[in-house]
Protein backbone atom coordinates (compact mmCIF):
# COMPACT_ATOMS: atom_id res chain seq x y z
CA UNK A 1 0.00 0.00 0.00
CA UNK A 2 1.35 3.45 -0.93
CA UNK A 3 1.44 5.82 2.04
CA UNK A 4 -0.29 8.46 -0.10
CA UNK A 5 -3.47 6.38 0.04
CA UNK A 6 -3.69 6.70 3.83
CA UNK A 7 -6.14 9.53 4.33
CA UNK A 8 -7.30 8.97 7.92
CA UNK A 9 -5.82 11.51 10.33
CA UNK A 10 -4.24 9.48 13.11
CA UNK A 11 -3.07 12.32 15.36
CA UNK A 12 -5.07 12.89 18.52
CA UNK A 13 -4.71 16.65 19.28
CA UNK A 14 -5.03 16.08 23.02
CA UNK A 15 -2.28 13.47 22.97
CA UNK A 16 -0.03 15.76 20.91
CA UNK A 17 -0.63 18.59 23.38
CA UNK A 18 0.11 16.32 26.35
CA UNK A 19 3.47 15.22 24.99
CA UNK A 20 4.29 18.68 23.67
CA UNK A 21 4.13 19.99 27.24
CA UNK A 22 6.83 17.47 28.21
CA UNK A 23 9.22 18.53 25.43
CA UNK A 24 11.59 20.67 27.50
CA UNK A 25 12.34 17.78 29.88
CA UNK A 26 12.62 15.03 27.26
CA UNK A 27 16.40 14.73 27.44
CA UNK A 28 16.58 14.95 31.23
CA UNK A 29 17.15 11.38 32.51
CA UNK A 30 15.68 12.42 35.87
CA UNK A 31 12.79 14.45 34.46
CA UNK A 32 9.30 13.59 33.25
CA UNK A 33 10.71 11.25 30.57
CA UNK A 34 12.92 9.32 32.99
CA UNK A 35 11.03 6.10 32.24
CA UNK A 36 11.82 6.43 28.53
CA UNK A 37 15.51 6.80 29.34
CA UNK A 38 15.37 3.52 31.27
CA UNK A 39 13.49 1.87 28.40
CA UNK A 40 15.96 2.96 25.75
CA UNK A 41 18.86 0.50 26.37
CA UNK A 42 16.78 -2.71 26.12
CA UNK A 43 14.79 -1.47 23.16
CA UNK A 44 17.99 -0.43 21.38
CA UNK A 45 19.40 -3.89 22.00
CA UNK A 46 16.24 -5.46 20.59
CA UNK A 47 16.34 -3.22 17.51
CA UNK A 48 20.02 -3.95 16.94
CA UNK A 49 19.39 -7.70 17.21
CA UNK A 50 16.58 -7.47 14.64
CA UNK A 51 18.74 -5.37 12.30
CA UNK A 52 21.56 -7.91 12.43
CA UNK A 53 19.14 -10.80 11.95
CA UNK A 54 17.43 -9.18 8.96
CA UNK A 55 20.50 -7.86 7.16
CA UNK A 56 22.86 -10.62 8.32
CA UNK A 57 25.04 -8.35 10.44
CA UNK A 58 27.85 -9.62 12.59
CA UNK A 59 26.54 -8.01 15.78
CA UNK A 60 29.78 -6.12 16.46
CA UNK A 61 30.04 -3.46 13.73
CA UNK A 62 29.40 0.14 14.73
CA UNK A 63 27.33 1.13 11.69
CA UNK A 64 25.02 -1.73 10.64
CA UNK A 65 22.61 0.79 9.12
CA UNK A 66 25.17 2.46 6.85
CA UNK A 67 23.58 3.28 3.50
CA UNK A 68 20.05 2.75 4.83
CA UNK A 69 17.18 5.12 5.56
CA UNK A 70 15.37 4.93 8.90
CA UNK A 71 12.08 6.48 9.99
CA UNK A 72 11.02 6.82 13.64
CA UNK A 73 7.33 7.71 13.95
CA UNK A 74 6.32 9.41 17.18
CA UNK A 75 9.97 10.27 17.75
CA UNK A 76 9.45 12.69 20.62
CA UNK A 77 12.65 14.70 21.09
CA UNK A 78 14.83 12.08 19.40
CA UNK A 79 15.78 9.51 22.05
CA UNK A 80 15.75 6.78 19.40
CA UNK A 81 16.60 8.85 16.31
CA UNK A 82 20.03 9.84 17.59
CA UNK A 83 21.20 6.26 18.30
CA UNK A 84 19.88 5.16 14.89
CA UNK A 85 21.92 7.95 13.28
CA UNK A 86 25.00 6.76 15.17
CA UNK A 87 24.35 3.27 13.76
CA UNK A 88 24.86 4.78 10.32
CA UNK A 89 21.32 5.45 9.10
CA UNK A 90 20.01 8.54 7.35
CA UNK A 91 17.25 9.18 9.90
CA UNK A 92 13.91 10.93 9.62
CA UNK A 93 12.01 11.63 12.84
CA UNK A 94 8.28 12.34 12.71
CA UNK A 95 6.23 13.61 15.64
CA UNK A 96 2.79 15.13 16.13
CA UNK A 97 4.02 17.74 18.63
CA UNK A 98 5.91 20.63 17.07
CA UNK A 99 7.44 21.37 20.49
CA UNK A 100 9.13 17.97 20.47
CA UNK A 101 10.52 18.55 17.00
CA UNK A 102 12.01 21.86 18.10
CA UNK A 103 13.79 20.25 21.05
CA UNK A 104 14.89 17.31 18.87
CA UNK A 105 16.47 19.59 16.27
CA UNK A 106 18.32 21.59 18.92
CA UNK A 107 19.65 18.48 20.65
CA UNK A 108 20.77 16.87 17.38
CA UNK A 109 22.65 20.04 16.48
CA UNK A 110 24.43 20.03 19.84
CA UNK A 111 25.25 16.34 19.30
CA UNK A 112 26.63 16.96 15.81
CA UNK A 113 24.05 14.66 14.21
CA UNK A 114 22.11 15.26 11.00
CA UNK A 115 18.54 14.08 11.55
CA UNK A 116 15.62 15.14 9.36
CA UNK A 117 12.97 16.05 11.93
CA UNK A 118 9.42 16.80 10.79
CA UNK A 119 6.22 17.75 12.61
CA UNK A 120 3.16 15.76 11.52
CA UNK A 121 1.51 12.36 11.38
CA UNK A 122 2.27 9.27 9.33
CA UNK A 123 -0.32 10.37 6.77
CA UNK A 124 1.89 13.36 5.85
CA UNK A 125 4.46 11.10 4.17
CA UNK A 126 3.82 10.96 0.43
CA UNK A 127 5.57 8.18 -1.39
CA UNK A 128 8.81 8.05 0.62
CA UNK A 129 10.06 4.65 1.71
CA UNK A 130 12.53 3.61 4.39
CA UNK A 131 14.59 0.50 5.08
CA UNK A 132 13.82 0.62 8.81
CA UNK A 133 10.56 1.95 10.25
CA UNK A 134 10.20 2.14 14.03
CA UNK A 135 7.42 3.37 16.29
CA UNK A 136 7.97 2.90 20.01
CA UNK A 137 5.10 3.28 22.48
CA UNK A 138 3.02 5.30 20.00
CA UNK A 139 0.18 3.24 18.56
CA UNK A 140 -1.71 3.35 21.88
CA UNK A 141 -1.95 7.14 21.47
CA UNK A 142 -3.36 7.41 17.92
CA UNK A 143 -6.99 7.83 16.88
CA UNK A 144 -7.05 5.02 14.29
CA UNK A 145 -4.58 2.16 14.89
CA UNK A 146 -5.47 0.39 11.63
CA UNK A 147 -4.81 3.51 9.55
CA UNK A 148 -1.63 4.15 11.52
CA UNK A 149 -0.27 0.67 10.76
CA UNK A 150 -1.28 1.08 7.12
CA UNK A 151 0.75 4.29 7.01
CA UNK A 152 3.77 2.57 8.53
CA UNK A 153 3.46 -0.24 5.98
CA UNK A 154 3.24 2.30 3.17
CA UNK A 155 6.53 3.84 4.30
CA UNK A 156 8.33 0.49 4.36
CA UNK A 157 10.76 -0.36 1.55
CA UNK A 158 10.53 -3.70 -0.25
CA UNK A 159 13.23 -5.32 1.90
CA UNK A 160 12.40 -3.18 4.92
CA UNK A 161 12.03 -3.94 8.58
CA UNK A 162 9.16 -2.63 10.75
CA UNK A 163 9.55 -2.62 14.55
CA UNK A 164 6.80 -1.57 16.95
CA UNK A 165 6.50 -1.58 20.72
CA UNK A 166 3.43 -0.97 22.86
CA UNK A 167 1.91 -1.90 26.23
CA UNK A 168 -0.27 -5.01 26.39
CA UNK A 169 -3.86 -4.65 27.64
CA UNK A 170 -3.54 -6.72 30.82
CA UNK A 171 -4.17 -6.33 34.52
CA UNK A 172 -0.40 -6.04 35.01
CA UNK A 173 -0.05 -3.13 32.60
CA UNK A 174 -2.94 -1.29 34.26
CA UNK A 175 -1.34 -1.77 37.68
CA UNK A 176 2.22 -0.96 36.65
CA UNK A 177 1.70 1.90 34.22
CA UNK A 178 -1.41 3.64 35.48
CA UNK A 179 -2.09 2.75 39.12
CA UNK A 180 1.57 2.79 40.17
CA UNK A 181 3.42 4.60 37.37
CA UNK A 182 1.05 7.53 36.95
CA UNK A 183 -0.32 7.37 40.50
CA UNK A 184 3.11 7.82 42.08
CA UNK A 185 4.46 10.29 39.51
CA UNK A 186 6.94 8.01 37.75
CA UNK A 187 4.98 8.58 34.51
CA UNK A 188 3.21 11.91 33.82
CA UNK A 189 -0.45 11.64 34.80
CA UNK A 190 -2.78 11.24 31.83
CA UNK A 191 -0.15 9.59 29.60
CA UNK A 192 -2.05 6.31 29.16
CA UNK A 193 -5.58 5.18 28.38
CA UNK A 194 -5.62 1.47 29.24
CA UNK A 195 -8.62 0.83 26.98
CA UNK A 196 -6.48 1.87 23.98
CA UNK A 197 -3.76 -0.69 24.69
CA UNK A 198 -3.53 -3.50 22.11
CA UNK A 199 -2.87 -7.16 22.76
CA UNK A 200 -0.17 -8.91 20.70
CA UNK A 201 -2.87 -10.78 18.77
CA UNK A 202 -4.70 -7.53 17.97
CA UNK A 203 -1.55 -5.78 16.78
CA UNK A 204 -0.46 -8.81 14.78
CA UNK A 205 -3.84 -8.82 13.02
CA UNK A 206 -3.46 -5.14 12.10
CA UNK A 207 0.02 -5.79 10.73
CA UNK A 208 -1.05 -8.81 8.72
CA UNK A 209 -4.06 -6.92 7.33
CA UNK A 210 -1.66 -4.64 5.40
CA UNK A 211 0.20 -7.61 3.87
CA UNK A 212 3.14 -7.70 6.26
CA UNK A 213 4.46 -10.81 7.98
CA UNK A 214 5.28 -10.83 11.68
CA UNK A 215 8.65 -12.49 12.26
CA UNK A 216 9.08 -11.84 15.98
CA UNK A 217 7.05 -11.00 19.08
CA UNK A 218 9.08 -10.45 22.25
CA UNK A 219 8.18 -9.13 25.66
CA UNK A 220 9.58 -6.15 27.49
CA UNK A 221 9.37 -6.65 31.22
CA UNK A 222 10.93 -5.37 34.42
CA UNK A 223 12.62 -7.12 37.34
CA UNK A 224 14.09 -5.75 40.58
CA UNK A 225 17.57 -6.93 39.66
CA UNK A 226 17.76 -6.13 35.95
CA UNK A 227 15.31 -3.29 35.44
CA UNK A 228 13.73 -3.32 31.98
CA UNK A 229 14.77 -6.28 29.84
CA UNK A 230 13.63 -8.13 26.72
CA UNK A 231 12.17 -11.56 27.47
CA UNK A 232 9.42 -14.05 26.76
CA UNK A 233 6.61 -12.48 28.78
CA UNK A 234 4.45 -9.96 26.91
CA UNK A 235 2.24 -9.23 29.93
CA UNK A 236 3.56 -5.70 30.46
CA UNK A 237 4.90 -4.46 27.13
CA UNK A 238 6.10 -6.06 23.93
CA UNK A 239 7.79 -5.67 20.53
CA UNK A 240 6.48 -6.76 17.15
CA UNK A 241 8.83 -7.01 14.16
CA UNK A 242 7.48 -7.48 10.64
CA UNK A 243 8.58 -7.61 7.00
CA UNK A 244 6.75 -7.61 3.70
CA UNK A 245 4.87 -10.86 3.18
Foldseek 3Di string as FASTA:
>chain_A
DALLVLDDFWADVVLLVVLLVCQVCCPPCPDQNVVVVLVPPQVVVVVLVVLCVLVVNPSPDFASQAPWAEEEEQCQLNPPVVSNVRNHHAYEYEHQHVSRLVNNVVVCVVVVGDYHYDHGHLSVDGRAAGQEYEYEAPLLRIDDNLSNLLSSVNRHDQSHKYKYKHWALAPVQCCPCAVPCCVVSVHPHPNGDSVSGHHPVRNQVSNVVNQKAWDDKWAWDQDPVPGTHIHHDNNTMIMTMIHHD
